[in-house]
Structures are given as structure tokens and as C-alpha cells.
Amino acid sequence: LSRDIVRQIIRYSNRINIPYPRYIAEDKMISDFVVHTLG
């Protein structure tokens, strides 16, 4: 991850840190945020 993406992950951690009703790996949560939220 480049530093600008790390900053966005920290800033919007509430959009990633959610208790999914089923198991979803943390790397997929982060990937989904970068791809679908940050585009």
C-alpha cells in the first residue's frame, strides 16, 4: 500500500472495521475499501 492509501484507510477505518455477520478476511475488507470506495 502506498502511504496515501494507508492514510485513507486510517481516516475512514469506520467503513472497514465493521463486524460482518459471516467471516470475511481482513485483507478482503481492505481490498474492497480501496477498490470500491476509493476507486
PDB file of all heavy atoms in Angstrom:
ATOM      1  N   LEU A   1       0.842  -1.194   0.000  1.00  0.00           N
ATOM      2  CA  LEU A   1       0.000   0.000   0.000  1.00  0.00           C
ATOM      3  C   LEU A   1       0.876   1.243   0.000  1.00  0.00           C
ATOM      4  O   LEU A   1       1.810   1.350   0.801  1.00  0.00           O
ATOM      5  CB  LEU A   1      -0.897   0.025   1.237  1.00  0.00           C
ATOM      6  CG  LEU A   1      -1.864  -1.155   1.425  1.00  0.00           C
ATOM      7  CD1 LEU A   1      -2.438  -1.147   2.825  1.00  0.00           C
ATOM      8  CD2 LEU A   1      -2.970  -1.114   0.383  1.00  0.00           C
ATOM      9  N   SER A   2       0.577   2.189  -0.880  1.00  0.00           N
ATOM     10  CA  SER A   2       1.278   3.473  -0.830  1.00  0.00           C
ATOM     11  C   SER A   2       0.758   4.281   0.353  1.00  0.00           C
ATOM     12  O   SER A   2      -0.338   4.033   0.884  1.00  0.00           O
ATOM     13  CB  SER A   2       1.087   4.245  -2.134  1.00  0.00           C
ATOM     14  OG  SER A   2      -0.287   4.433  -2.428  1.00  0.00           O
ATOM     15  N   ARG A   3       1.541   5.259   0.775  1.00  0.00           N
ATOM     16  CA  ARG A   3       1.227   5.971   2.010  1.00  0.00           C
ATOM     17  C   ARG A   3      -0.109   6.711   1.938  1.00  0.00           C
ATOM     18  O   ARG A   3      -0.843   6.766   2.933  1.00  0.00           O
ATOM     19  CB  ARG A   3       2.356   6.959   2.336  1.00  0.00           C
ATOM     20  CG  ARG A   3       2.182   7.601   3.700  1.00  0.00           C
ATOM     21  CD  ARG A   3       3.383   8.434   4.091  1.00  0.00           C
ATOM     22  NE  ARG A   3       3.285   8.859   5.487  1.00  0.00           N
ATOM     23  CZ  ARG A   3       4.229   9.513   6.144  1.00  0.00           C
ATOM     24  NH1 ARG A   3       5.378   9.818   5.530  1.00  0.00           N
ATOM     25  NH2 ARG A   3       4.069   9.857   7.420  1.00  0.00           N
ATOM     26  N   ASP A   4      -0.453   7.260   0.788  1.00  0.00           N
ATOM     27  CA  ASP A   4      -1.720   7.990   0.689  1.00  0.00           C
ATOM     28  C   ASP A   4      -2.907   7.069   0.920  1.00  0.00           C
ATOM     29  O   ASP A   4      -3.911   7.473   1.524  1.00  0.00           O
ATOM     30  CB  ASP A   4      -1.839   8.684  -0.675  1.00  0.00           C
ATOM     31  CG  ASP A   4      -1.739   7.712  -1.840  1.00  0.00           C
ATOM     32  OD1 ASP A   4      -0.826   6.871  -1.849  1.00  0.00           O
ATOM     33  OD2 ASP A   4      -2.578   7.798  -2.762  1.00  0.00           O
ATOM     34  N   ILE A   5      -2.804   5.807   0.496  1.00  0.00           N
ATOM     35  CA  ILE A   5      -3.885   4.851   0.741  1.00  0.00           C
ATOM     36  C   ILE A   5      -3.937   4.465   2.216  1.00  0.00           C
ATOM     37  O   ILE A   5      -5.027   4.342   2.795  1.00  0.00           O
ATOM     38  CB  ILE A   5      -3.722   3.615  -0.151  1.00  0.00           C
ATOM     39  CG1 ILE A   5      -4.002   3.991  -1.607  1.00  0.00           C
ATOM     40  CG2 ILE A   5      -4.647   2.494   0.299  1.00  0.00           C
ATOM     41  CD1 ILE A   5      -3.934   2.839  -2.575  1.00  0.00           C
ATOM     42  N   VAL A   6      -2.784   4.278   2.829  1.00  0.00           N
ATOM     43  CA  VAL A   6      -2.761   3.980   4.265  1.00  0.00           C
ATOM     44  C   VAL A   6      -3.476   5.088   5.043  1.00  0.00           C
ATOM     45  O   VAL A   6      -4.262   4.819   5.961  1.00  0.00           O
ATOM     46  CB  VAL A   6      -1.309   3.828   4.768  1.00  0.00           C
ATOM     47  CG1 VAL A   6      -1.277   3.679   6.285  1.00  0.00           C
ATOM     48  CG2 VAL A   6      -0.634   2.628   4.105  1.00  0.00           C
ATOM     49  N   ARG A   7      -3.227   6.326   4.673  1.00  0.00           N
ATOM     50  CA  ARG A   7      -3.882   7.451   5.353  1.00  0.00           C
ATOM     51  C   ARG A   7      -5.393   7.398   5.187  1.00  0.00           C
ATOM     52  O   ARG A   7      -6.140   7.712   6.129  1.00  0.00           O
ATOM     53  CB  ARG A   7      -3.325   8.766   4.813  1.00  0.00           C
ATOM     54  CG  ARG A   7      -1.896   9.066   5.267  1.00  0.00           C
ATOM     55  CD  ARG A   7      -1.317  10.245   4.533  1.00  0.00           C
ATOM     56  NE  ARG A   7      -0.038  10.655   5.111  1.00  0.00           N
ATOM     57  CZ  ARG A   7       0.799  11.519   4.538  1.00  0.00           C
ATOM     58  NH1 ARG A   7       0.497  12.052   3.358  1.00  0.00           N
ATOM     59  NH2 ARG A   7       1.931  11.840   5.133  1.00  0.00           N
ATOM     60  N   GLN A   8      -5.870   7.017   4.012  1.00  0.00           N
ATOM     61  CA  GLN A   8      -7.313   6.925   3.790  1.00  0.00           C
ATOM     62  C   GLN A   8      -7.913   5.765   4.591  1.00  0.00           C
ATOM     63  O   GLN A   8      -9.032   5.889   5.108  1.00  0.00           O
ATOM     64  CB  GLN A   8      -7.591   6.736   2.296  1.00  0.00           C
ATOM     65  CG  GLN A   8      -7.230   7.929   1.426  1.00  0.00           C
ATOM     66  CD  GLN A   8      -8.013   9.170   1.810  1.00  0.00           C
ATOM     67  OE1 GLN A   8      -9.244   9.155   1.852  1.00  0.00           O
ATOM     68  NE2 GLN A   8      -7.299  10.246   2.113  1.00  0.00           N
ATOM     69  N   ILE A   9      -7.192   4.674   4.683  1.00  0.00           N
ATOM     70  CA  ILE A   9      -7.673   3.546   5.487  1.00  0.00           C
ATOM     71  C   ILE A   9      -7.821   3.957   6.952  1.00  0.00           C
ATOM     72  O   ILE A   9      -8.813   3.635   7.614  1.00  0.00           O
ATOM     73  CB  ILE A   9      -6.718   2.348   5.352  1.00  0.00           C
ATOM     74  CG1 ILE A   9      -6.794   1.770   3.940  1.00  0.00           C
ATOM     75  CG2 ILE A   9      -7.026   1.271   6.394  1.00  0.00           C
ATOM     76  CD1 ILE A   9      -5.730   0.741   3.630  1.00  0.00           C
ATOM     77  N   ILE A  10      -6.831   4.679   7.470  1.00  0.00           N
ATOM     78  CA  ILE A  10      -6.894   5.148   8.855  1.00  0.00           C
ATOM     79  C   ILE A  10      -8.042   6.144   9.028  1.00  0.00           C
ATOM     80  O   ILE A  10      -8.823   6.053   9.983  1.00  0.00           O
ATOM     81  CB  ILE A  10      -5.554   5.795   9.250  1.00  0.00           C
ATOM     82  CG1 ILE A  10      -4.427   4.755   9.234  1.00  0.00           C
ATOM     83  CG2 ILE A  10      -5.656   6.450  10.625  1.00  0.00           C
ATOM     84  CD1 ILE A  10      -3.039   5.349   9.332  1.00  0.00           C
ATOM     85  N   ARG A  11      -8.148   7.070   8.094  1.00  0.00           N
ATOM     86  CA  ARG A  11      -9.163   8.122   8.203  1.00  0.00           C
ATOM     87  C   ARG A  11     -10.574   7.559   8.172  1.00  0.00           C
ATOM     88  O   ARG A  11     -11.456   8.022   8.894  1.00  0.00           O
ATOM     89  CB  ARG A  11      -8.976   9.120   7.066  1.00  0.00           C
ATOM     90  CG  ARG A  11      -9.972  10.275   7.094  1.00  0.00           C
ATOM     91  CD  ARG A  11      -9.705  11.249   5.959  1.00  0.00           C
ATOM     92  NE  ARG A  11     -10.644  12.363   5.987  1.00  0.00           N
ATOM     93  CZ  ARG A  11     -10.674  13.339   5.078  1.00  0.00           C
ATOM     94  NH1 ARG A  11      -9.802  13.318   4.058  1.00  0.00           N
ATOM     95  NH2 ARG A  11     -11.560  14.320   5.176  1.00  0.00           N
ATOM     96  N   TYR A  12     -10.803   6.555   7.328  1.00  0.00           N
ATOM     97  CA  TYR A  12     -12.144   6.005   7.154  1.00  0.00           C
ATOM     98  C   TYR A  12     -12.231   4.576   7.696  1.00  0.00           C
ATOM     99  O   TYR A  12     -12.944   3.742   7.140  1.00  0.00           O
ATOM    100  CB  TYR A  12     -12.530   6.036   5.677  1.00  0.00           C
ATOM    101  CG  TYR A  12     -12.607   7.431   5.114  1.00  0.00           C
ATOM    102  CD1 TYR A  12     -11.624   7.906   4.250  1.00  0.00           C
ATOM    103  CD2 TYR A  12     -13.653   8.297   5.472  1.00  0.00           C
ATOM    104  CE1 TYR A  12     -11.679   9.195   3.743  1.00  0.00           C
ATOM    105  CE2 TYR A  12     -13.708   9.582   4.959  1.00  0.00           C
ATOM    106  CZ  TYR A  12     -12.718  10.031   4.104  1.00  0.00           C
ATOM    107  OH  TYR A  12     -12.785  11.303   3.611  1.00  0.00           O
ATOM    108  N   SER A  13     -11.524   4.334   8.789  1.00  0.00           N
ATOM    109  CA  SER A  13     -11.490   2.982   9.343  1.00  0.00           C
ATOM    110  C   SER A  13     -12.880   2.499   9.768  1.00  0.00           C
ATOM    111  O   SER A  13     -13.131   1.286   9.786  1.00  0.00           O
ATOM    112  CB  SER A  13     -10.541   2.921  10.531  1.00  0.00           C
ATOM    113  OG  SER A  13     -10.947   3.816  11.555  1.00  0.00           O
ATOM    114  N   ASN A  14     -13.780   3.424  10.084  1.00  0.00           N
ATOM    115  CA  ASN A  14     -15.131   3.020  10.478  1.00  0.00           C
ATOM    116  C   ASN A  14     -15.882   2.342   9.330  1.00  0.00           C
ATOM    117  O   ASN A  14     -16.849   1.624   9.553  1.00  0.00           O
ATOM    118  CB  ASN A  14     -15.930   4.225  10.977  1.00  0.00           C
ATOM    119  CG  ASN A  14     -16.111   5.286   9.909  1.00  0.00           C
ATOM    120  OD1 ASN A  14     -15.153   5.631   9.205  1.00  0.00           O
ATOM    121  ND2 ASN A  14     -17.313   5.822   9.778  1.00  0.00           N
ATOM    122  N   ARG A  15     -15.430   2.561   8.101  1.00  0.00           N
ATOM    123  CA  ARG A  15     -16.069   1.913   6.954  1.00  0.00           C
ATOM    124  C   ARG A  15     -15.510   0.516   6.716  1.00  0.00           C
ATOM    125  O   ARG A  15     -16.043  -0.249   5.909  1.00  0.00           O
ATOM    126  CB  ARG A  15     -15.871   2.751   5.691  1.00  0.00           C
ATOM    127  CG  ARG A  15     -16.418   4.163   5.796  1.00  0.00           C
ATOM    128  CD  ARG A  15     -16.347   4.868   4.464  1.00  0.00           C
ATOM    129  NE  ARG A  15     -16.759   6.261   4.565  1.00  0.00           N
ATOM    130  CZ  ARG A  15     -16.861   7.090   3.525  1.00  0.00           C
ATOM    131  NH1 ARG A  15     -16.572   6.655   2.311  1.00  0.00           N
ATOM    132  NH2 ARG A  15     -17.224   8.341   3.710  1.00  0.00           N
ATOM    133  N   ILE A  16     -14.419   0.187   7.391  1.00  0.00           N
ATOM    134  CA  ILE A  16     -13.787  -1.124   7.233  1.00  0.00           C
ATOM    135  C   ILE A  16     -13.967  -1.957   8.489  1.00  0.00           C
ATOM    136  O   ILE A  16     -14.192  -3.158   8.417  1.00  0.00           O
ATOM    137  CB  ILE A  16     -12.277  -0.954   6.950  1.00  0.00           C
ATOM    138  CG1 ILE A  16     -12.068  -0.018   5.754  1.00  0.00           C
ATOM    139  CG2 ILE A  16     -11.613  -2.290   6.695  1.00  0.00           C
ATOM    140  CD1 ILE A  16     -10.619   0.366   5.533  1.00  0.00           C
ATOM    141  N   ASN A  17     -13.905  -1.325   9.633  1.00  0.00           N
ATOM    142  CA  ASN A  17     -13.946  -2.002  10.930  1.00  0.00           C
ATOM    143  C   ASN A  17     -15.355  -2.360  11.356  1.00  0.00           C
ATOM    144  O   ASN A  17     -15.819  -1.946  12.407  1.00  0.00           O
ATOM    145  CB  ASN A  17     -13.333  -1.085  11.995  1.00  0.00           C
ATOM    146  CG  ASN A  17     -11.908  -1.479  12.296  1.00  0.00           C
ATOM    147  OD1 ASN A  17     -11.546  -2.628  12.159  1.00  0.00           O
ATOM    148  ND2 ASN A  17     -11.112  -0.513  12.710  1.00  0.00           N
ATOM    149  N   ILE A  18     -16.061  -3.088  10.558  1.00  0.00           N
ATOM    150  CA  ILE A  18     -17.434  -3.426  10.910  1.00  0.00           C
ATOM    151  C   ILE A  18     -17.541  -4.933  11.134  1.00  0.00           C
ATOM    152  O   ILE A  18     -16.891  -5.716  10.443  1.00  0.00           O
ATOM    153  CB  ILE A  18     -18.433  -2.968   9.827  1.00  0.00           C
ATOM    154  CG1 ILE A  18     -18.067  -3.570   8.461  1.00  0.00           C
ATOM    155  CG2 ILE A  18     -18.485  -1.459   9.752  1.00  0.00           C
ATOM    156  CD1 ILE A  18     -19.033  -3.204   7.363  1.00  0.00           C
ATOM    157  N   PRO A  19     -18.341  -5.355  12.105  1.00  0.00           N
ATOM    158  CA  PRO A  19     -18.471  -6.792  12.394  1.00  0.00           C
ATOM    159  C   PRO A  19     -19.384  -7.473  11.376  1.00  0.00           C
ATOM    160  O   PRO A  19     -20.609  -7.417  11.470  1.00  0.00           O
ATOM    161  CB  PRO A  19     -19.081  -6.813  13.800  1.00  0.00           C
ATOM    162  CG  PRO A  19     -19.823  -5.516  13.899  1.00  0.00           C
ATOM    163  CD  PRO A  19     -19.071  -4.516  13.055  1.00  0.00           C
ATOM    164  N   TYR A  20     -18.810  -8.084  10.377  1.00  0.00           N
ATOM    165  CA  TYR A  20     -19.595  -8.773   9.364  1.00  0.00           C
ATOM    166  C   TYR A  20     -20.349  -9.938   9.993  1.00  0.00           C
ATOM    167  O   TYR A  20     -19.856 -10.580  10.915  1.00  0.00           O
ATOM    168  CB  TYR A  20     -18.685  -9.293   8.256  1.00  0.00           C
ATOM    169  CG  TYR A  20     -18.245  -8.230   7.286  1.00  0.00           C
ATOM    170  CD1 TYR A  20     -17.173  -7.394   7.581  1.00  0.00           C
ATOM    171  CD2 TYR A  20     -18.902  -8.059   6.077  1.00  0.00           C
ATOM    172  CE1 TYR A  20     -16.759  -6.421   6.685  1.00  0.00           C
ATOM    173  CE2 TYR A  20     -18.490  -7.091   5.167  1.00  0.00           C
ATOM    174  CZ  TYR A  20     -17.418  -6.283   5.477  1.00  0.00           C
ATOM    175  OH  TYR A  20     -17.012  -5.324   4.597  1.00  0.00           O
ATOM    176  N   PRO A  21     -21.546 -10.252   9.469  1.00  0.00           N
ATOM    177  CA  PRO A  21     -22.302 -11.383  10.028  1.00  0.00           C
ATOM    178  C   PRO A  21     -21.660 -12.728   9.726  1.00  0.00           C
ATOM    179  O   PRO A  21     -21.993 -13.727  10.326  1.00  0.00           O
ATOM    180  CB  PRO A  21     -23.660 -11.255   9.331  1.00  0.00           C
ATOM    181  CG  PRO A  21     -23.373 -10.486   8.080  1.00  0.00           C
ATOM    182  CD  PRO A  21     -22.265  -9.537   8.425  1.00  0.00           C
ATOM    183  N   ARG A  22     -20.747 -12.787   8.782  1.00  0.00           N
ATOM    184  CA  ARG A  22     -20.019 -14.017   8.494  1.00  0.00           C
ATOM    185  C   ARG A  22     -18.539 -13.663   8.368  1.00  0.00           C
ATOM    186  O   ARG A  22     -18.179 -12.504   8.279  1.00  0.00           O
ATOM    187  CB  ARG A  22     -20.523 -14.663   7.192  1.00  0.00           C
ATOM    188  CG  ARG A  22     -20.407 -13.753   5.981  1.00  0.00           C
ATOM    189  CD  ARG A  22     -21.056 -14.383   4.761  1.00  0.00           C
ATOM    190  NE  ARG A  22     -21.017 -13.497   3.616  1.00  0.00           N
ATOM    191  CZ  ARG A  22     -20.007 -13.387   2.765  1.00  0.00           C
ATOM    192  NH1 ARG A  22     -18.917 -14.120   2.962  1.00  0.00           N
ATOM    193  NH2 ARG A  22     -20.063 -12.580   1.734  1.00  0.00           N
ATOM    194  N   TYR A  23     -17.705 -14.684   8.352  1.00  0.00           N
ATOM    195  CA  TYR A  23     -16.267 -14.430   8.281  1.00  0.00           C
ATOM    196  C   TYR A  23     -15.879 -13.841   6.934  1.00  0.00           C
ATOM    197  O   TYR A  23     -16.184 -14.407   5.879  1.00  0.00           O
ATOM    198  CB  TYR A  23     -15.477 -15.712   8.518  1.00  0.00           C
ATOM    199  CG  TYR A  23     -14.004 -15.519   8.271  1.00  0.00           C
ATOM    200  CD1 TYR A  23     -13.226 -14.836   9.201  1.00  0.00           C
ATOM    201  CD2 TYR A  23     -13.403 -15.968   7.108  1.00  0.00           C
ATOM    202  CE1 TYR A  23     -11.872 -14.624   8.990  1.00  0.00           C
ATOM    203  CE2 TYR A  23     -12.055 -15.762   6.879  1.00  0.00           C
ATOM    204  CZ  TYR A  23     -11.300 -15.090   7.823  1.00  0.00           C
ATOM    205  OH  TYR A  23      -9.968 -14.867   7.599  1.00  0.00           O
ATOM    206  N   ILE A  24     -15.230 -12.692   6.956  1.00  0.00           N
ATOM    207  CA  ILE A  24     -14.615 -12.098   5.778  1.00  0.00           C
ATOM    208  C   ILE A  24     -13.207 -11.698   6.182  1.00  0.00           C
ATOM    209  O   ILE A  24     -13.016 -10.989   7.168  1.00  0.00           O
ATOM    210  CB  ILE A  24     -15.393 -10.881   5.252  1.00  0.00           C
ATOM    211  CG1 ILE A  24     -16.796 -11.308   4.794  1.00  0.00           C
ATOM    212  CG2 ILE A  24     -14.643 -10.218   4.102  1.00  0.00           C
ATOM    213  CD1 ILE A  24     -17.636 -10.181   4.252  1.00  0.00           C
ATOM    214  N   ALA A  25     -12.241 -12.161   5.436  1.00  0.00           N
ATOM    215  CA  ALA A  25     -10.850 -11.911   5.787  1.00  0.00           C
ATOM    216  C   ALA A  25     -10.546 -10.419   5.780  1.00  0.00           C
ATOM    217  O   ALA A  25     -11.079  -9.657   4.966  1.00  0.00           O
ATOM    218  CB  ALA A  25      -9.923 -12.635   4.821  1.00  0.00           C
ATOM    219  N   GLU A  26      -9.671 -10.019   6.694  1.00  0.00           N
ATOM    220  CA  GLU A  26      -9.312  -8.601   6.825  1.00  0.00           C
ATOM    221  C   GLU A  26      -8.683  -8.049   5.555  1.00  0.00           C
ATOM    222  O   GLU A  26      -8.914  -6.903   5.179  1.00  0.00           O
ATOM    223  CB  GLU A  26      -8.389  -8.459   8.032  1.00  0.00           C
ATOM    224  CG  GLU A  26      -7.504  -7.246   8.048  1.00  0.00           C
ATOM    225  CD  GLU A  26      -6.125  -7.596   7.555  1.00  0.00           C
ATOM    226  OE1 GLU A  26      -5.628  -8.689   7.864  1.00  0.00           O
ATOM    227  OE2 GLU A  26      -5.543  -6.766   6.850  1.00  0.00           O
ATOM    228  N   ASP A  27      -7.884  -8.867   4.832  1.00  0.00           N
ATOM    229  CA  ASP A  27      -7.284  -8.373   3.596  1.00  0.00           C
ATOM    230  C   ASP A  27      -8.346  -8.087   2.539  1.00  0.00           C
ATOM    231  O   ASP A  27      -8.218  -7.133   1.754  1.00  0.00           O
ATOM    232  CB  ASP A  27      -6.220  -9.335   3.060  1.00  0.00           C
ATOM    233  CG  ASP A  27      -6.706 -10.768   2.933  1.00  0.00           C
ATOM    234  OD1 ASP A  27      -7.839 -11.052   3.338  1.00  0.00           O
ATOM    235  OD2 ASP A  27      -5.927 -11.600   2.430  1.00  0.00           O
ATOM    236  N   LYS A  28      -9.422  -8.882   2.522  1.00  0.00           N
ATOM    237  CA  LYS A  28     -10.509  -8.611   1.579  1.00  0.00           C
ATOM    238  C   LYS A  28     -11.260  -7.346   1.971  1.00  0.00           C
ATOM    239  O   LYS A  28     -11.675  -6.569   1.104  1.00  0.00           O
ATOM    240  CB  LYS A  28     -11.472  -9.792   1.487  1.00  0.00           C
ATOM    241  CG  LYS A  28     -12.535  -9.584   0.395  1.00  0.00           C
ATOM    242  CD  LYS A  28     -13.456 -10.763   0.245  1.00  0.00           C
ATOM    243  CE  LYS A  28     -14.333 -10.614  -0.975  1.00  0.00           C
ATOM    244  NZ  LYS A  28     -15.047  -9.321  -1.066  1.00  0.00           N
ATOM    245  N   MET A  29     -11.462  -7.125   3.273  1.00  0.00           N
ATOM    246  CA  MET A  29     -12.114  -5.890   3.712  1.00  0.00           C
ATOM    247  C   MET A  29     -11.333  -4.669   3.231  1.00  0.00           C
ATOM    248  O   MET A  29     -11.919  -3.700   2.716  1.00  0.00           O
ATOM    249  CB  MET A  29     -12.221  -5.853   5.240  1.00  0.00           C
ATOM    250  CG  MET A  29     -13.163  -6.859   5.850  1.00  0.00           C
ATOM    251  SD  MET A  29     -13.273  -6.575   7.652  1.00  0.00           S
ATOM    252  CE  MET A  29     -14.155  -8.036   8.162  1.00  0.00           C
ATOM    253  N   ILE A  30     -10.013  -4.707   3.388  1.00  0.00           N
ATOM    254  CA  ILE A  30      -9.181  -3.576   2.975  1.00  0.00           C
ATOM    255  C   ILE A  30      -9.191  -3.434   1.459  1.00  0.00           C
ATOM    256  O   ILE A  30      -9.321  -2.332   0.921  1.00  0.00           O
ATOM    257  CB  ILE A  30      -7.758  -3.728   3.523  1.00  0.00           C
ATOM    258  CG1 ILE A  30      -7.768  -3.566   5.043  1.00  0.00           C
ATOM    259  CG2 ILE A  30      -6.809  -2.714   2.884  1.00  0.00           C
ATOM    260  CD1 ILE A  30      -6.435  -3.791   5.714  1.00  0.00           C
ATOM    261  N   SER A  31      -9.056  -4.557   0.733  1.00  0.00           N
ATOM    262  CA  SER A  31      -9.088  -4.508  -0.728  1.00  0.00           C
ATOM    263  C   SER A  31     -10.403  -3.933  -1.221  1.00  0.00           C
ATOM    264  O   SER A  31     -10.434  -3.087  -2.131  1.00  0.00           O
ATOM    265  CB  SER A  31      -8.882  -5.906  -1.320  1.00  0.00           C
ATOM    266  OG  SER A  31      -7.556  -6.327  -1.211  1.00  0.00           O
ATOM    267  N   ASP A  32     -11.509  -4.389  -0.648  1.00  0.00           N
ATOM    268  CA  ASP A  32     -12.820  -3.888  -1.069  1.00  0.00           C
ATOM    269  C   ASP A  32     -12.939  -2.386  -0.840  1.00  0.00           C
ATOM    270  O   ASP A  32     -13.493  -1.658  -1.672  1.00  0.00           O
ATOM    271  CB  ASP A  32     -13.930  -4.614  -0.312  1.00  0.00           C
ATOM    272  CG  ASP A  32     -14.149  -6.029  -0.815  1.00  0.00           C
ATOM    273  OD1 ASP A  32     -13.590  -6.376  -1.878  1.00  0.00           O
ATOM    274  OD2 ASP A  32     -14.884  -6.789  -0.154  1.00  0.00           O
ATOM    275  N   PHE A  33     -12.421  -1.898   0.275  1.00  0.00           N
ATOM    276  CA  PHE A  33     -12.463  -0.463   0.549  1.00  0.00           C
ATOM    277  C   PHE A  33     -11.661   0.315  -0.488  1.00  0.00           C
ATOM    278  O   PHE A  33     -12.128   1.319  -1.036  1.00  0.00           O
ATOM    279  CB  PHE A  33     -11.918  -0.176   1.947  1.00  0.00           C
ATOM    280  CG  PHE A  33     -11.702   1.283   2.230  1.00  0.00           C
ATOM    281  CD1 PHE A  33     -12.777   2.120   2.523  1.00  0.00           C
ATOM    282  CD2 PHE A  33     -10.431   1.828   2.185  1.00  0.00           C
ATOM    283  CE1 PHE A  33     -12.586   3.476   2.769  1.00  0.00           C
ATOM    284  CE2 PHE A  33     -10.229   3.180   2.440  1.00  0.00           C
ATOM    285  CZ  PHE A  33     -11.302   4.003   2.720  1.00  0.00           C
ATOM    286  N   VAL A  34     -10.455  -0.155  -0.783  1.00  0.00           N
ATOM    287  CA  VAL A  34      -9.597   0.565  -1.733  1.00  0.00           C
ATOM    288  C   VAL A  34     -10.208   0.540  -3.129  1.00  0.00           C
ATOM    289  O   VAL A  34     -10.248   1.568  -3.821  1.00  0.00           O
ATOM    290  CB  VAL A  34      -8.183  -0.050  -1.754  1.00  0.00           C
ATOM    291  CG1 VAL A  34      -7.329   0.597  -2.841  1.00  0.00           C
ATOM    292  CG2 VAL A  34      -7.517   0.129  -0.389  1.00  0.00           C
ATOM    293  N   VAL A  35     -10.721  -0.612  -3.543  1.00  0.00           N
ATOM    294  CA  VAL A  35     -11.248  -0.746  -4.901  1.00  0.00           C
ATOM    295  C   VAL A  35     -12.601  -0.066  -5.054  1.00  0.00           C
ATOM    296  O   VAL A  35     -12.822   0.726  -5.990  1.00  0.00           O
ATOM    297  CB  VAL A  35     -11.345  -2.236  -5.297  1.00  0.00           C
ATOM    298  CG1 VAL A  35     -12.077  -2.405  -6.625  1.00  0.00           C
ATOM    299  CG2 VAL A  35      -9.954  -2.854  -5.370  1.00  0.00           C
ATOM    300  N   HIS A  36     -13.517  -0.337  -4.139  1.00  0.00           N
ATOM    301  CA  HIS A  36     -14.897   0.107  -4.328  1.00  0.00           C
ATOM    302  C   HIS A  36     -15.180   1.483  -3.738  1.00  0.00           C
ATOM    303  O   HIS A  36     -16.028   2.217  -4.255  1.00  0.00           O
ATOM    304  CB  HIS A  36     -15.864  -0.924  -3.740  1.00  0.00           C
ATOM    305  CG  HIS A  36     -15.731  -2.285  -4.358  1.00  0.00           C
ATOM    306  ND1 HIS A  36     -15.928  -2.515  -5.698  1.00  0.00           N
ATOM    307  CD2 HIS A  36     -15.393  -3.492  -3.816  1.00  0.00           C
ATOM    308  CE1 HIS A  36     -15.748  -3.792  -5.969  1.00  0.00           C
ATOM    309  NE2 HIS A  36     -15.417  -4.400  -4.842  1.00  0.00           N
ATOM    310  N   THR A  37     -14.499   1.854  -2.668  1.00  0.00           N
ATOM    311  CA  THR A  37     -14.721   3.171  -2.067  1.00  0.00           C
ATOM    312  C   THR A  37     -13.767   4.219  -2.630  1.00  0.00           C
ATOM    313  O   THR A  37     -14.189   5.310  -3.004  1.00  0.00           O
ATOM    314  CB  THR A  37     -14.578   3.097  -0.532  1.00  0.00           C
ATOM    315  OG1 THR A  37     -15.519   2.153  -0.018  1.00  0.00           O
ATOM    316  CG2 THR A  37     -14.846   4.466   0.092  1.00  0.00           C
ATOM    317  N   LEU A  38     -12.484   3.872  -2.715  1.00  0.00           N
ATOM    318  CA  LEU A  38     -11.509   4.827  -3.246  1.00  0.00           C
ATOM    319  C   LEU A  38     -11.412   4.778  -4.761  1.00  0.00           C
ATOM    320  O   LEU A  38     -10.858   5.699  -5.372  1.00  0.00           O
ATOM    321  CB  LEU A  38     -10.122   4.564  -2.631  1.00  0.00           C
ATOM    322  CG  LEU A  38     -10.018   4.656  -1.111  1.00  0.00           C
ATOM    323  CD1 LEU A  38      -8.574   4.441  -0.667  1.00  0.00           C
ATOM    324  CD2 LEU A  38     -10.533   5.994  -0.602  1.00  0.00           C
ATOM    325  N   GLY A  39     -11.916   3.721  -5.374  1.00  0.00           N
ATOM    326  CA  GLY A  39     -11.913   3.627  -6.829  1.00  0.00           C
ATOM    327  C   GLY A  39     -10.542   3.374  -7.431  1.00  0.00           C
ATOM    328  O   GLY A  39     -10.240   3.869  -8.528  1.00  0.00           O
TER     329      GLY A  39
END
